[in-house]
């Protein structure tokens, strides 16, 4: 793993030796560095073998932080299918889950219906007007 780390500062002199150390202070190396104009290029030639957070320092000044992650499980982009997810949810006993199957025409309608429920207010207004009309008709004919 030999990749360059570019720092936007030019560090020169024997008093500004670049160190890479972990956050607990138990690990410290002096990496290979090259000054290119106003930038400093640092090479880590397989010297850091443990994952973790490290500081890049020059003298007593902390220039930047860097992290190494050697476990690539979090970068795995494979995902479960709908059937596998349904099986996992059923096996764990979770009940408050719904699946939205992607459909280009009805996706917006499905999301609205899940968040707002079935809209019955229009039907209730129509029924109220029908019953009100029926009551007026009954009162007129009753006399």
N, C-alpha and C. Protein backbone atom coordinates (compact mmCIF):
# COMPACT_ATOMS: atom_id res chain seq x y z
N UNK A 1 0.86 -1.16 0.00
CA UNK A 1 0.00 0.00 0.00
C UNK A 1 0.90 1.23 0.00
N UNK A 2 1.31 1.63 -1.15
CA UNK A 2 2.15 2.82 -1.26
C UNK A 2 1.39 3.86 -2.07
N UNK A 3 0.69 4.71 -1.37
CA UNK A 3 -0.06 5.76 -2.04
C UNK A 3 0.37 7.10 -1.45
N UNK A 4 0.35 8.14 -2.26
CA UNK A 4 0.80 9.44 -1.74
C UNK A 4 -0.30 10.16 -0.98
N UNK A 5 0.11 10.88 0.04
CA UNK A 5 -0.77 11.78 0.77
C UNK A 5 -0.23 13.18 0.51
N UNK A 6 -1.05 14.03 -0.09
CA UNK A 6 -0.61 15.38 -0.42
C UNK A 6 -1.04 16.35 0.67
N UNK A 7 -0.09 17.12 1.17
CA UNK A 7 -0.37 18.15 2.16
C UNK A 7 -0.21 19.50 1.48
N UNK A 8 -1.11 20.44 1.70
CA UNK A 8 -1.06 21.72 0.99
C UNK A 8 -0.04 22.70 1.56
N UNK A 9 0.93 22.22 2.34
CA UNK A 9 1.96 23.09 2.91
C UNK A 9 3.33 22.55 2.54
N UNK A 10 4.29 23.43 2.46
CA UNK A 10 5.66 23.04 2.20
C UNK A 10 6.40 23.05 3.53
N UNK A 11 6.91 21.90 3.92
CA UNK A 11 7.58 21.76 5.21
C UNK A 11 9.05 21.50 4.93
N UNK A 12 9.89 22.40 5.38
CA UNK A 12 11.33 22.25 5.14
C UNK A 12 12.06 22.45 6.45
N UNK A 13 13.23 21.86 6.54
CA UNK A 13 14.07 22.04 7.71
C UNK A 13 14.10 20.80 8.57
N UNK A 14 15.16 20.71 9.37
CA UNK A 14 15.34 19.56 10.23
C UNK A 14 14.42 19.58 11.45
N UNK A 15 13.92 20.75 11.80
CA UNK A 15 13.05 20.85 12.98
C UNK A 15 11.60 20.52 12.65
N UNK A 16 11.28 20.45 11.37
CA UNK A 16 9.92 20.13 10.95
C UNK A 16 9.86 18.73 10.34
N UNK A 17 10.30 17.75 11.07
CA UNK A 17 10.25 16.37 10.60
C UNK A 17 8.81 15.88 10.71
N UNK A 18 8.34 15.27 9.64
CA UNK A 18 6.95 14.78 9.61
C UNK A 18 6.87 13.44 10.33
N UNK A 19 5.88 13.33 11.20
CA UNK A 19 5.61 12.10 11.95
C UNK A 19 4.16 11.70 11.69
N UNK A 20 3.93 10.41 11.67
CA UNK A 20 2.56 9.88 11.66
C UNK A 20 2.42 9.04 12.91
N UNK A 21 1.46 9.42 13.76
CA UNK A 21 1.28 8.70 15.02
C UNK A 21 -0.21 8.44 15.22
N UNK A 22 -0.51 7.38 15.97
CA UNK A 22 -1.91 7.09 16.23
C UNK A 22 -2.43 7.99 17.34
N UNK A 23 -3.73 7.99 17.53
CA UNK A 23 -4.34 8.94 18.47
C UNK A 23 -3.98 8.62 19.92
N UNK A 24 -3.63 7.38 20.22
CA UNK A 24 -3.25 7.04 21.59
C UNK A 24 -1.78 7.30 21.87
N UNK A 25 -1.00 7.55 20.82
CA UNK A 25 0.41 7.87 21.00
C UNK A 25 1.32 6.66 21.15
N UNK A 26 0.84 5.46 20.87
CA UNK A 26 1.66 4.26 21.02
C UNK A 26 2.37 3.87 19.73
N UNK A 27 2.07 4.54 18.64
CA UNK A 27 2.67 4.23 17.35
C UNK A 27 3.16 5.52 16.71
N UNK A 28 4.40 5.53 16.20
CA UNK A 28 4.96 6.73 15.59
C UNK A 28 5.96 6.31 14.52
N UNK A 29 5.79 6.85 13.31
CA UNK A 29 6.74 6.59 12.23
C UNK A 29 7.12 7.92 11.57
N UNK A 30 8.25 7.90 10.90
CA UNK A 30 8.66 9.04 10.07
C UNK A 30 8.55 8.56 8.62
N UNK A 31 7.55 9.04 7.87
CA UNK A 31 7.36 8.55 6.51
C UNK A 31 8.32 9.22 5.52
N UNK A 32 8.36 8.65 4.35
CA UNK A 32 9.13 9.24 3.26
C UNK A 32 8.36 10.45 2.75
N UNK A 33 9.03 11.59 2.62
CA UNK A 33 8.35 12.79 2.14
C UNK A 33 9.16 13.47 1.04
N UNK A 34 8.42 14.14 0.17
CA UNK A 34 9.01 14.88 -0.94
C UNK A 34 8.34 16.23 -1.02
N UNK A 35 9.13 17.29 -1.15
CA UNK A 35 8.57 18.63 -1.26
C UNK A 35 8.49 18.99 -2.73
N UNK A 36 7.30 19.34 -3.18
CA UNK A 36 7.05 19.71 -4.58
C UNK A 36 6.44 21.11 -4.60
N UNK A 37 7.26 22.14 -4.64
CA UNK A 37 6.75 23.51 -4.66
C UNK A 37 6.11 23.87 -3.34
N UNK A 38 4.79 24.10 -3.38
CA UNK A 38 4.07 24.48 -2.16
C UNK A 38 3.36 23.31 -1.51
N UNK A 39 3.57 22.10 -2.00
CA UNK A 39 2.93 20.92 -1.40
C UNK A 39 3.99 19.93 -0.94
N UNK A 40 3.59 19.11 -0.02
CA UNK A 40 4.46 18.04 0.48
C UNK A 40 3.77 16.72 0.21
N UNK A 41 4.49 15.81 -0.41
CA UNK A 41 3.95 14.49 -0.73
C UNK A 41 4.56 13.48 0.25
N UNK A 42 3.68 12.75 0.93
CA UNK A 42 4.10 11.76 1.91
C UNK A 42 3.76 10.38 1.36
N UNK A 43 4.73 9.45 1.44
CA UNK A 43 4.49 8.07 1.02
C UNK A 43 4.52 7.16 2.24
N UNK A 44 3.52 6.31 2.35
CA UNK A 44 3.45 5.33 3.43
C UNK A 44 3.69 3.98 2.79
N UNK A 45 4.86 3.47 2.93
CA UNK A 45 5.27 2.24 2.26
C UNK A 45 4.99 1.02 3.13
N UNK A 46 3.74 0.65 3.25
CA UNK A 46 3.31 -0.51 4.05
C UNK A 46 3.80 -0.45 5.48
N UNK A 47 3.93 0.74 6.02
CA UNK A 47 4.40 0.89 7.39
C UNK A 47 3.26 0.88 8.40
N UNK A 48 2.09 1.28 7.98
CA UNK A 48 0.93 1.27 8.87
C UNK A 48 0.14 0.00 8.57
N UNK A 49 0.12 -0.90 9.54
CA UNK A 49 -0.54 -2.19 9.30
C UNK A 49 -1.82 -2.35 10.10
N UNK A 50 -2.12 -1.41 11.00
CA UNK A 50 -3.33 -1.50 11.81
C UNK A 50 -4.31 -0.41 11.43
N UNK A 51 -5.57 -0.77 11.35
CA UNK A 51 -6.61 0.21 11.06
C UNK A 51 -6.77 1.13 12.25
N UNK A 52 -7.09 2.40 11.95
CA UNK A 52 -7.32 3.34 13.03
C UNK A 52 -7.14 4.77 12.57
N UNK A 53 -7.18 5.69 13.51
CA UNK A 53 -7.03 7.12 13.23
C UNK A 53 -5.61 7.54 13.59
N UNK A 54 -5.00 8.34 12.72
CA UNK A 54 -3.63 8.77 12.89
C UNK A 54 -3.55 10.28 12.67
N UNK A 55 -2.54 10.89 13.29
CA UNK A 55 -2.26 12.31 13.09
C UNK A 55 -0.98 12.45 12.27
N UNK A 56 -0.97 13.42 11.37
CA UNK A 56 0.25 13.79 10.66
C UNK A 56 0.72 15.09 11.29
N UNK A 57 1.92 15.05 11.89
CA UNK A 57 2.44 16.21 12.59
C UNK A 57 3.78 16.62 12.02
N UNK A 58 4.10 17.88 12.16
CA UNK A 58 5.42 18.42 11.82
C UNK A 58 5.88 19.20 13.03
N UNK A 59 6.89 18.70 13.70
CA UNK A 59 7.32 19.32 14.95
C UNK A 59 6.24 19.11 16.00
N UNK A 60 5.72 20.19 16.55
CA UNK A 60 4.63 20.10 17.54
C UNK A 60 3.28 20.41 16.91
N UNK A 61 3.24 20.75 15.62
CA UNK A 61 2.00 21.15 14.95
C UNK A 61 1.32 19.94 14.31
N UNK A 62 0.03 19.79 14.58
CA UNK A 62 -0.76 18.75 13.92
C UNK A 62 -1.23 19.32 12.58
N UNK A 63 -0.80 18.68 11.48
CA UNK A 63 -1.17 19.17 10.15
C UNK A 63 -2.54 18.67 9.72
N UNK A 64 -2.80 17.40 9.92
CA UNK A 64 -4.08 16.83 9.52
C UNK A 64 -4.25 15.46 10.19
N UNK A 65 -5.41 14.93 10.05
CA UNK A 65 -5.70 13.59 10.53
C UNK A 65 -5.95 12.67 9.34
N UNK A 66 -5.72 11.42 9.53
CA UNK A 66 -5.93 10.43 8.48
C UNK A 66 -6.41 9.14 9.13
N UNK A 67 -7.21 8.38 8.41
CA UNK A 67 -7.74 7.12 8.94
C UNK A 67 -7.46 6.00 7.96
N UNK A 68 -7.18 4.83 8.50
CA UNK A 68 -6.96 3.64 7.69
C UNK A 68 -7.99 2.60 8.11
N UNK A 69 -8.57 1.94 7.11
CA UNK A 69 -9.57 0.92 7.35
C UNK A 69 -9.22 -0.28 6.49
N UNK A 70 -8.82 -1.36 7.11
CA UNK A 70 -8.42 -2.54 6.35
C UNK A 70 -9.55 -3.56 6.24
N UNK A 71 -10.60 -3.41 6.99
CA UNK A 71 -11.73 -4.30 6.89
C UNK A 71 -12.66 -3.73 5.83
N UNK A 72 -12.85 -4.43 4.76
CA UNK A 72 -13.63 -3.92 3.63
C UNK A 72 -15.10 -4.36 3.66
N UNK A 73 -15.58 -4.89 4.75
CA UNK A 73 -16.97 -5.33 4.82
C UNK A 73 -17.94 -4.18 4.69
N UNK A 74 -17.59 -3.00 5.19
CA UNK A 74 -18.50 -1.87 5.10
C UNK A 74 -18.57 -1.31 3.68
N UNK A 75 -17.63 -1.69 2.82
CA UNK A 75 -17.66 -1.22 1.44
C UNK A 75 -18.39 -2.19 0.51
N UNK A 76 -18.93 -3.26 1.04
CA UNK A 76 -19.65 -4.24 0.25
C UNK A 76 -21.01 -3.66 -0.14
N UNK A 77 -21.27 -3.54 -1.43
CA UNK A 77 -22.49 -2.89 -1.92
C UNK A 77 -23.59 -3.87 -2.29
N UNK A 78 -23.42 -5.15 -1.98
CA UNK A 78 -24.49 -6.10 -2.27
C UNK A 78 -25.62 -5.89 -1.27
N UNK A 79 -26.84 -6.11 -1.71
CA UNK A 79 -27.98 -5.92 -0.83
C UNK A 79 -28.94 -7.10 -0.93
N UNK A 80 -29.86 -7.14 -0.01
CA UNK A 80 -30.84 -8.21 0.04
C UNK A 80 -31.93 -7.97 -1.00
N UNK A 81 -32.51 -9.05 -1.48
CA UNK A 81 -33.68 -8.93 -2.35
C UNK A 81 -34.90 -8.72 -1.47
N UNK A 82 -36.03 -8.42 -2.10
CA UNK A 82 -37.26 -8.19 -1.35
C UNK A 82 -37.69 -9.44 -0.58
N UNK A 83 -37.55 -10.60 -1.19
CA UNK A 83 -37.92 -11.85 -0.51
C UNK A 83 -37.01 -12.13 0.68
N UNK A 84 -35.70 -11.88 0.51
CA UNK A 84 -34.77 -12.09 1.63
C UNK A 84 -35.07 -11.14 2.79
N UNK A 85 -35.38 -9.87 2.46
CA UNK A 85 -35.74 -8.90 3.51
C UNK A 85 -37.01 -9.32 4.23
N UNK A 86 -38.00 -9.79 3.47
CA UNK A 86 -39.25 -10.24 4.10
C UNK A 86 -38.99 -11.42 5.02
N UNK A 87 -38.12 -12.33 4.61
CA UNK A 87 -37.78 -13.47 5.46
C UNK A 87 -37.07 -13.04 6.73
N UNK A 88 -36.15 -12.09 6.63
CA UNK A 88 -35.42 -11.61 7.80
C UNK A 88 -36.37 -10.91 8.77
N UNK A 89 -37.27 -10.09 8.23
CA UNK A 89 -38.22 -9.37 9.08
C UNK A 89 -39.17 -10.34 9.77
N UNK A 90 -39.61 -11.35 9.03
CA UNK A 90 -40.51 -12.35 9.63
C UNK A 90 -39.79 -13.16 10.70
N UNK A 91 -38.53 -13.50 10.45
CA UNK A 91 -37.76 -14.30 11.39
C UNK A 91 -37.48 -13.53 12.69
N UNK A 92 -37.27 -12.23 12.57
CA UNK A 92 -36.98 -11.43 13.78
C UNK A 92 -38.24 -11.00 14.51
N UNK A 93 -39.41 -11.19 13.92
CA UNK A 93 -40.66 -10.88 14.59
C UNK A 93 -41.04 -9.41 14.56
N UNK A 94 -40.54 -8.66 13.60
CA UNK A 94 -40.90 -7.25 13.47
C UNK A 94 -42.20 -7.14 12.67
N UNK A 95 -43.09 -6.22 13.10
CA UNK A 95 -44.40 -6.14 12.48
C UNK A 95 -44.67 -4.82 11.78
N UNK A 96 -44.00 -3.76 12.12
CA UNK A 96 -44.32 -2.44 11.58
C UNK A 96 -43.48 -2.09 10.37
N UNK A 97 -43.44 -2.96 9.38
CA UNK A 97 -42.67 -2.71 8.17
C UNK A 97 -43.55 -2.92 6.95
N UNK A 98 -43.37 -2.06 5.96
CA UNK A 98 -44.05 -2.19 4.67
C UNK A 98 -43.02 -2.11 3.57
N UNK A 99 -43.25 -2.84 2.51
CA UNK A 99 -42.38 -2.78 1.34
C UNK A 99 -43.06 -1.97 0.26
N UNK A 100 -42.32 -1.10 -0.37
CA UNK A 100 -42.81 -0.38 -1.53
C UNK A 100 -42.10 -0.97 -2.73
N UNK A 101 -42.84 -1.66 -3.55
CA UNK A 101 -42.27 -2.23 -4.77
C UNK A 101 -42.17 -1.11 -5.80
N UNK A 102 -40.99 -0.84 -6.33
CA UNK A 102 -40.84 0.29 -7.25
C UNK A 102 -41.70 0.12 -8.50
N UNK A 103 -42.58 1.04 -8.70
CA UNK A 103 -43.43 1.10 -9.88
C UNK A 103 -43.43 2.55 -10.32
N UNK A 104 -43.09 2.81 -11.55
CA UNK A 104 -42.90 4.18 -12.01
C UNK A 104 -44.17 5.02 -11.90
N UNK A 105 -45.32 4.42 -12.16
CA UNK A 105 -46.56 5.19 -12.17
C UNK A 105 -47.14 5.39 -10.77
N UNK A 106 -47.05 4.40 -9.91
CA UNK A 106 -47.76 4.44 -8.64
C UNK A 106 -46.87 4.66 -7.43
N UNK A 107 -45.60 4.98 -7.61
CA UNK A 107 -44.71 5.14 -6.47
C UNK A 107 -45.13 6.32 -5.61
N UNK A 108 -45.43 7.46 -6.23
CA UNK A 108 -45.85 8.64 -5.47
C UNK A 108 -47.16 8.37 -4.75
N UNK A 109 -48.09 7.73 -5.44
CA UNK A 109 -49.39 7.40 -4.83
C UNK A 109 -49.21 6.44 -3.65
N UNK A 110 -48.33 5.46 -3.79
CA UNK A 110 -48.10 4.50 -2.70
C UNK A 110 -47.50 5.18 -1.48
N UNK A 111 -46.55 6.09 -1.71
CA UNK A 111 -45.93 6.80 -0.59
C UNK A 111 -46.94 7.71 0.10
N UNK A 112 -47.77 8.42 -0.68
CA UNK A 112 -48.80 9.28 -0.09
C UNK A 112 -49.80 8.46 0.72
N UNK A 113 -50.20 7.32 0.19
CA UNK A 113 -51.18 6.48 0.89
C UNK A 113 -50.59 5.91 2.17
N UNK A 114 -49.29 5.57 2.17
CA UNK A 114 -48.67 5.05 3.39
C UNK A 114 -48.52 6.14 4.44
N UNK A 115 -48.23 7.37 4.01
CA UNK A 115 -48.01 8.42 4.99
C UNK A 115 -49.30 9.07 5.45
N UNK A 116 -50.32 9.18 4.59
CA UNK A 116 -51.55 9.88 4.94
C UNK A 116 -52.74 8.96 5.16
N UNK A 117 -52.62 7.73 4.77
CA UNK A 117 -53.74 6.81 4.89
C UNK A 117 -54.69 6.98 3.72
N UNK A 118 -55.78 6.23 3.73
CA UNK A 118 -56.78 6.32 2.66
C UNK A 118 -57.63 7.56 2.93
N UNK A 119 -57.76 8.41 1.93
CA UNK A 119 -58.49 9.67 2.07
C UNK A 119 -59.99 9.39 1.92
N UNK A 120 -60.72 9.50 3.02
CA UNK A 120 -62.16 9.27 3.01
C UNK A 120 -62.97 10.55 3.17
N UNK A 121 -62.35 11.69 3.32
CA UNK A 121 -63.09 12.91 3.61
C UNK A 121 -64.00 13.32 2.46
N UNK A 122 -63.59 13.03 1.22
CA UNK A 122 -64.44 13.39 0.07
C UNK A 122 -65.74 12.59 0.11
N UNK A 123 -65.62 11.29 0.41
CA UNK A 123 -66.80 10.45 0.49
C UNK A 123 -67.71 10.88 1.65
N UNK A 124 -67.12 11.29 2.74
CA UNK A 124 -67.93 11.72 3.88
C UNK A 124 -68.67 13.01 3.59
N UNK A 125 -68.05 13.93 2.86
CA UNK A 125 -68.74 15.17 2.48
C UNK A 125 -69.91 14.87 1.55
N UNK A 126 -69.70 13.98 0.57
CA UNK A 126 -70.78 13.61 -0.36
C UNK A 126 -71.92 12.94 0.40
N UNK A 127 -71.61 12.02 1.31
CA UNK A 127 -72.65 11.37 2.09
C UNK A 127 -73.39 12.36 2.98
N UNK A 128 -72.67 13.32 3.58
CA UNK A 128 -73.32 14.33 4.42
C UNK A 128 -74.28 15.17 3.59
N UNK A 129 -73.90 15.55 2.36
CA UNK A 129 -74.79 16.33 1.49
C UNK A 129 -76.01 15.51 1.08
N UNK A 130 -75.80 14.22 0.81
CA UNK A 130 -76.93 13.35 0.45
C UNK A 130 -77.91 13.23 1.62
N UNK A 131 -77.41 13.00 2.82
CA UNK A 131 -78.28 12.88 3.99
C UNK A 131 -78.96 14.20 4.32
N UNK A 132 -78.27 15.32 4.15
CA UNK A 132 -78.87 16.63 4.40
C UNK A 132 -79.99 16.88 3.40
N UNK A 133 -79.75 16.53 2.13
CA UNK A 133 -80.80 16.68 1.12
C UNK A 133 -81.98 15.77 1.45
N UNK A 134 -81.69 14.55 1.86
CA UNK A 134 -82.76 13.62 2.24
C UNK A 134 -83.56 14.15 3.42
N UNK A 135 -82.89 14.75 4.40
CA UNK A 135 -83.61 15.30 5.54
C UNK A 135 -84.49 16.47 5.14
N UNK A 136 -83.99 17.33 4.24
CA UNK A 136 -84.80 18.47 3.77
C UNK A 136 -86.03 17.96 3.02
N UNK A 137 -85.86 16.93 2.19
CA UNK A 137 -86.99 16.37 1.44
C UNK A 137 -88.01 15.77 2.40
N UNK A 138 -87.54 15.04 3.40
CA UNK A 138 -88.46 14.44 4.37
C UNK A 138 -89.22 15.51 5.15
N UNK A 139 -88.56 16.59 5.56
CA UNK A 139 -89.23 17.66 6.29
C UNK A 139 -90.27 18.38 5.42
N UNK A 140 -90.01 18.55 4.13
CA UNK A 140 -90.96 19.21 3.22
C UNK A 140 -92.19 18.33 3.00
N UNK A 141 -91.97 17.02 2.84
CA UNK A 141 -93.09 16.13 2.57
C UNK A 141 -93.86 15.78 3.84
N UNK A 142 -93.32 15.89 4.97
CA UNK A 142 -93.95 15.53 6.23
C UNK A 142 -95.07 16.47 6.57
N UNK A 143 -94.99 17.70 6.19
CA UNK A 143 -96.02 18.70 6.54
C UNK A 143 -97.22 18.47 5.75
